[in-house]
Amino acid sequence: MKTLSESLFALRNPLMIVRSNSTFDQYVRLEEKTIESSANRLEGIAFFAYDIGELNNYADYVNIMTYDYHFYSPNTPFTGLNSPLHKRHNENSMLSLLNINASVNYYISQGLDKRKIVIGLPTYGHSFQLVNAFNTKIGSPALGFGSVGEQGFVSYSELCWFKQNNFFITSVFDVETCSPYLFTGNEWISYEDERSIECKTNFVKTNGFGGAMLFSLNTDDFLSYCKTDVASDGLHDDSNSTFPLARKMYSILFDKKA
């Protein structure tokens, strides 16, 4: 079994990933392959895990997994947004780094070509059980996973079904972070919708990043539960009822109707 130091060396040394540069390059050219790598969103992990500047030499694209910034755990017993675009005005220190903008800018500061960065966006959310049903803001104390989803993991289909079959739900779109959340009783859920995907995909396109990727198709709404759901902006187009988040991303990246 490898020691921790040996494992970190293997991750940071590009030659451990690309065993023989000349042979590898020859294979790639011959087979016309595109080389992609996935990278952690957290600055502390990225610093030890990757020689970020060297990724330019071996990867065509680097998929940064910019989601799961906040979810319930005994160590983080409070509500938070799954994939916030920017930090909120009241976030400082470590909390101010838990957002898409901070993550991608760290990789850029370490030498990664912006045009190789692919920003990951989730199609799922996280549910929390509130300690106090009247304390519903972002960062409110939570005592466990919510009742929706498995271990707090909520697909977009589950989210839409929950909204359609429950009364007295309050939906909020946090403009600072381009992220929606909802609450009812002791249930609190952070999720993505078409408005948030549009906002974040426009960020990718406007700032000249390499692209965007979804994680994942099977947690988008393939069951059409969201067809009659009203988006956060009050508008709805049900011309295509399946995979609405993937369709929204595609339409913006390629300037085509979803």
Protein backbone atom coordinates (compact mmCIF):
# COMPACT_ATOMS: atom_id res chain seq x y z
CA MET A 1 0.00 0.00 0.00
CA LYS A 2 1.29 3.48 -0.88
CA THR A 3 2.00 5.95 1.88
CA LEU A 4 0.24 9.32 1.87
CA SER A 5 3.40 11.07 0.66
CA GLU A 6 3.80 8.56 -2.19
CA SER A 7 0.18 9.04 -3.22
CA LEU A 8 0.53 12.82 -3.22
CA PHE A 9 3.73 12.54 -5.26
CA ALA A 10 1.92 10.43 -7.86
CA LEU A 11 -0.83 13.02 -8.13
CA ARG A 12 1.55 15.98 -8.37
CA ASN A 13 4.01 14.39 -10.78
CA PRO A 14 2.65 14.56 -14.36
CA LEU A 15 5.00 11.77 -15.43
CA MET A 16 3.14 9.42 -13.12
CA ILE A 17 -0.01 10.25 -15.07
CA VAL A 18 1.63 10.31 -18.48
CA ARG A 19 4.12 7.45 -18.22
CA SER A 20 6.02 8.11 -21.40
CA ASN A 21 5.56 11.53 -22.90
CA SER A 22 6.73 10.61 -26.41
CA THR A 23 4.76 7.36 -26.57
CA PHE A 24 1.69 9.01 -25.12
CA ASP A 25 1.82 11.96 -27.53
CA GLN A 26 2.24 9.57 -30.46
CA TYR A 27 -0.82 7.60 -29.34
CA VAL A 28 -2.90 10.73 -28.92
CA ARG A 29 -2.01 12.04 -32.37
CA LEU A 30 -2.58 8.67 -34.00
CA GLU A 31 -5.94 8.05 -32.34
CA GLU A 32 -7.04 11.73 -32.40
CA LYS A 33 -7.88 11.61 -28.72
CA THR A 34 -8.85 14.47 -26.43
CA ILE A 35 -7.30 14.28 -22.97
CA GLU A 36 -9.38 15.52 -20.08
CA SER A 37 -8.74 15.62 -16.35
CA SER A 38 -11.07 16.20 -13.42
CA ALA A 39 -9.93 18.45 -10.59
CA ASN A 40 -11.13 19.17 -7.08
CA ARG A 41 -12.89 22.45 -6.36
CA LEU A 42 -11.19 23.10 -3.00
CA GLU A 43 -8.02 25.20 -2.95
CA GLY A 44 -6.50 23.28 -0.04
CA ILE A 45 -6.82 19.94 -1.82
CA ALA A 46 -5.79 21.29 -5.23
CA PHE A 47 -2.57 22.74 -3.78
CA PHE A 48 -1.36 19.33 -2.57
CA ALA A 49 -2.94 17.15 -5.26
CA TYR A 50 -1.90 18.74 -8.55
CA ASP A 51 1.00 20.44 -10.24
CA ILE A 52 -1.51 22.81 -11.78
CA GLY A 53 0.80 24.60 -14.21
CA GLU A 54 1.95 21.29 -15.69
CA LEU A 55 -1.62 20.31 -16.52
CA ASN A 56 -1.37 22.70 -19.47
CA ASN A 57 1.15 20.35 -21.06
CA TYR A 58 -0.89 17.17 -20.79
CA ALA A 59 -4.60 17.98 -20.66
CA ASP A 60 -6.76 19.49 -23.37
CA TYR A 61 -9.41 20.32 -20.78
CA VAL A 62 -9.61 20.27 -16.99
CA ASN A 63 -13.07 19.66 -15.55
CA ILE A 64 -13.24 21.46 -12.21
CA MET A 65 -15.89 19.90 -9.97
CA THR A 66 -17.41 23.14 -8.73
CA TYR A 67 -20.25 21.68 -6.68
CA ASP A 68 -20.80 20.14 -3.24
CA TYR A 69 -19.48 23.28 -1.59
CA HIS A 70 -22.13 22.90 1.11
CA PHE A 71 -23.99 19.83 2.33
CA TYR A 72 -24.96 18.57 5.76
CA SER A 73 -22.36 16.78 7.84
CA PRO A 74 -21.72 16.65 11.60
CA ASN A 75 -18.77 18.98 10.96
CA THR A 76 -20.85 21.47 8.94
CA PRO A 77 -24.26 21.51 10.66
CA PHE A 78 -25.73 24.47 8.79
CA THR A 79 -27.50 25.17 5.52
CA GLY A 80 -25.57 26.27 2.45
CA LEU A 81 -25.70 26.46 -1.32
CA ASN A 82 -24.51 23.53 -3.41
CA SER A 83 -22.83 25.52 -6.18
CA PRO A 84 -22.73 29.28 -5.51
CA LEU A 85 -21.26 31.38 -8.29
CA HIS A 86 -19.81 34.08 -6.01
CA LYS A 87 -19.29 34.54 -2.30
CA ARG A 88 -22.04 36.22 -0.32
CA HIS A 89 -21.53 39.65 1.24
CA ASN A 90 -21.28 38.22 4.77
CA GLU A 91 -18.86 35.38 3.98
CA ASN A 92 -15.26 35.74 5.11
CA SER A 93 -12.16 33.60 5.55
CA MET A 94 -12.66 29.98 4.40
CA LEU A 95 -16.34 30.48 3.58
CA SER A 96 -15.42 33.15 1.03
CA LEU A 97 -13.49 30.52 -0.96
CA LEU A 98 -16.41 28.10 -1.28
CA ASN A 99 -17.76 29.25 -4.62
CA ILE A 100 -17.19 28.75 -8.34
CA ASN A 101 -15.48 32.08 -8.95
CA ALA A 102 -12.93 31.56 -6.17
CA SER A 103 -12.13 28.01 -7.28
CA VAL A 104 -11.51 28.78 -10.95
CA ASN A 105 -9.50 31.90 -10.16
CA TYR A 106 -7.24 29.85 -7.89
CA TYR A 107 -6.46 27.50 -10.79
CA ILE A 108 -5.80 30.48 -13.05
CA SER A 109 -3.50 32.06 -10.45
CA GLN A 110 -1.51 28.80 -10.38
CA GLY A 111 -0.93 28.92 -14.13
CA LEU A 112 -3.77 26.91 -15.67
CA ASP A 113 -4.89 28.28 -19.03
CA LYS A 114 -8.40 29.68 -18.64
CA ARG A 115 -9.35 28.26 -22.04
CA LYS A 116 -8.75 24.74 -20.70
CA ILE A 117 -11.01 25.17 -17.68
CA VAL A 118 -14.39 23.43 -17.87
CA ILE A 119 -16.68 24.53 -15.05
CA GLY A 120 -18.85 21.81 -13.52
CA LEU A 121 -22.48 22.55 -12.66
CA PRO A 122 -24.75 20.17 -10.75
CA THR A 123 -28.24 19.03 -11.70
CA TYR A 124 -28.93 17.88 -8.14
CA GLY A 125 -29.30 19.59 -4.79
CA HIS A 126 -28.84 18.98 -1.08
CA SER A 127 -31.54 18.90 1.59
CA PHE A 128 -31.18 19.87 5.25
CA GLN A 129 -33.34 19.48 8.34
CA LEU A 130 -33.58 22.84 10.08
CA VAL A 131 -33.13 23.15 13.82
CA ASN A 132 -35.65 26.00 13.84
CA ALA A 133 -38.36 26.20 11.18
CA PHE A 134 -38.42 29.98 11.59
CA ASN A 135 -34.69 30.39 10.94
CA THR A 136 -34.52 29.76 7.21
CA LYS A 137 -31.69 31.92 5.91
CA ILE A 138 -28.52 30.60 4.28
CA GLY A 139 -26.25 29.42 7.09
CA SER A 140 -29.07 28.47 9.46
CA PRO A 141 -28.35 25.65 11.94
CA ALA A 142 -29.27 22.16 10.70
CA LEU A 143 -29.45 18.90 12.61
CA GLY A 144 -29.41 16.41 9.75
CA PHE A 145 -30.31 15.60 6.17
CA GLY A 146 -33.71 16.66 4.95
CA SER A 147 -36.50 14.18 4.27
CA VAL A 148 -36.21 14.69 0.50
CA GLY A 149 -33.63 12.61 -1.33
CA GLU A 150 -31.24 9.88 -0.25
CA GLN A 151 -28.88 11.12 2.46
CA GLY A 152 -29.78 14.66 1.45
CA PHE A 153 -28.97 14.10 -2.24
CA VAL A 154 -31.91 15.47 -4.27
CA SER A 155 -32.30 15.00 -8.02
CA TYR A 156 -34.04 17.70 -10.04
CA SER A 157 -36.99 15.36 -10.67
CA GLU A 158 -37.36 14.77 -6.92
CA LEU A 159 -37.16 18.50 -6.28
CA CYS A 160 -39.90 19.33 -8.79
CA TRP A 161 -42.12 16.51 -7.52
CA PHE A 162 -41.71 17.83 -3.98
CA LYS A 163 -42.64 21.36 -5.05
CA GLN A 164 -45.73 20.20 -6.92
CA ASN A 165 -47.01 18.03 -4.08
CA ASN A 166 -46.49 20.33 -1.12
CA PHE A 167 -48.17 23.57 -0.10
CA PHE A 168 -46.66 26.56 1.68
CA ILE A 169 -43.26 26.20 0.05
CA THR A 170 -41.19 29.37 -0.12
CA SER A 171 -38.74 29.57 -3.03
CA VAL A 172 -35.88 32.07 -2.96
CA PHE A 173 -33.39 33.02 -5.66
CA ASP A 174 -30.18 34.39 -4.17
CA VAL A 175 -28.98 36.92 -6.74
CA GLU A 176 -25.49 37.25 -5.23
CA THR A 177 -24.71 33.60 -5.89
CA CYS A 178 -27.08 32.83 -8.79
CA SER A 179 -28.54 30.01 -6.71
CA PRO A 180 -32.07 29.03 -5.66
CA TYR A 181 -33.20 27.39 -2.46
CA LEU A 182 -36.54 26.59 -0.86
CA PHE A 183 -37.93 25.84 2.56
CA THR A 184 -41.10 24.58 4.16
CA GLY A 185 -41.43 23.55 7.79
CA ASN A 186 -38.08 22.09 8.81
CA GLU A 187 -37.13 21.19 5.23
CA TRP A 188 -34.49 23.33 3.47
CA ILE A 189 -33.16 22.48 0.00
CA SER A 190 -30.42 24.03 -2.13
CA TYR A 191 -30.77 23.16 -5.81
CA GLU A 192 -30.33 24.36 -9.40
CA ASP A 193 -33.01 25.42 -11.86
CA GLU A 194 -33.03 26.80 -15.38
CA ARG A 195 -32.44 30.35 -14.18
CA SER A 196 -29.36 29.42 -12.14
CA ILE A 197 -27.94 27.26 -14.93
CA GLU A 198 -28.46 30.13 -17.36
CA CYS A 199 -26.70 32.58 -15.04
CA LYS A 200 -23.72 30.31 -14.43
CA THR A 201 -23.38 29.23 -18.06
CA ASN A 202 -23.37 32.88 -19.11
CA PHE A 203 -20.54 33.40 -16.61
CA VAL A 204 -18.59 30.63 -18.35
CA LYS A 205 -19.21 32.07 -21.79
CA THR A 206 -18.70 35.74 -20.96
CA ASN A 207 -15.38 35.11 -19.21
CA GLY A 208 -13.88 32.95 -21.94
CA PHE A 209 -13.55 29.65 -20.11
CA GLY A 210 -13.16 26.42 -22.04
CA GLY A 211 -16.71 25.28 -21.41
CA ALA A 212 -19.15 23.85 -18.90
CA MET A 213 -20.14 20.32 -17.95
CA LEU A 214 -23.10 18.91 -16.05
CA PHE A 215 -22.98 16.44 -13.22
CA SER A 216 -24.99 14.59 -14.10
CA LEU A 217 -27.57 13.71 -16.75
CA ASN A 218 -29.27 11.08 -14.60
CA THR A 219 -30.08 13.67 -11.92
CA ASP A 220 -31.55 16.13 -14.43
CA ASP A 221 -35.30 15.80 -14.95
CA PHE A 222 -35.63 12.86 -17.34
CA LEU A 223 -39.07 12.06 -15.87
CA SER A 224 -40.68 15.39 -16.88
CA TYR A 225 -41.76 16.21 -13.32
CA CYS A 226 -40.58 19.77 -13.91
CA LYS A 227 -42.70 20.30 -17.01
CA THR A 228 -45.41 22.15 -15.10
CA ASP A 229 -43.02 23.65 -12.58
CA VAL A 230 -42.60 27.42 -12.65
CA ALA A 231 -39.00 28.56 -12.78
CA SER A 232 -37.57 31.05 -10.31
CA ASP A 233 -38.06 33.93 -12.76
CA GLY A 234 -41.77 33.16 -13.11
CA LEU A 235 -41.38 32.13 -16.74
CA HIS A 236 -41.73 28.67 -18.22
CA ASP A 237 -41.32 27.11 -21.63
CA ASP A 238 -42.49 23.51 -21.76
CA SER A 239 -41.64 22.91 -25.43
CA ASN A 240 -39.06 20.37 -24.23
CA SER A 241 -40.01 18.57 -21.06
CA THR A 242 -37.02 16.30 -20.47
CA PHE A 243 -33.49 17.25 -19.35
CA PRO A 244 -34.34 20.96 -18.97
CA LEU A 245 -31.06 21.88 -17.26
CA ALA A 246 -28.91 20.20 -19.91
CA ARG A 247 -30.99 21.83 -22.64
CA LYS A 248 -30.60 25.24 -21.03
CA MET A 249 -26.83 24.90 -20.81
CA TYR A 250 -26.60 23.70 -24.41
CA SER A 251 -28.76 26.54 -25.72
CA ILE A 252 -26.50 29.17 -24.15
CA LEU A 253 -23.15 27.61 -25.01
CA PHE A 254 -24.10 27.07 -28.64
CA ASP A 255 -26.60 29.92 -29.14
CA LYS A 256 -29.37 27.50 -30.03
CA LYS A 257 -32.91 27.05 -28.82
CA ALA A 258 -33.09 24.31 -26.20
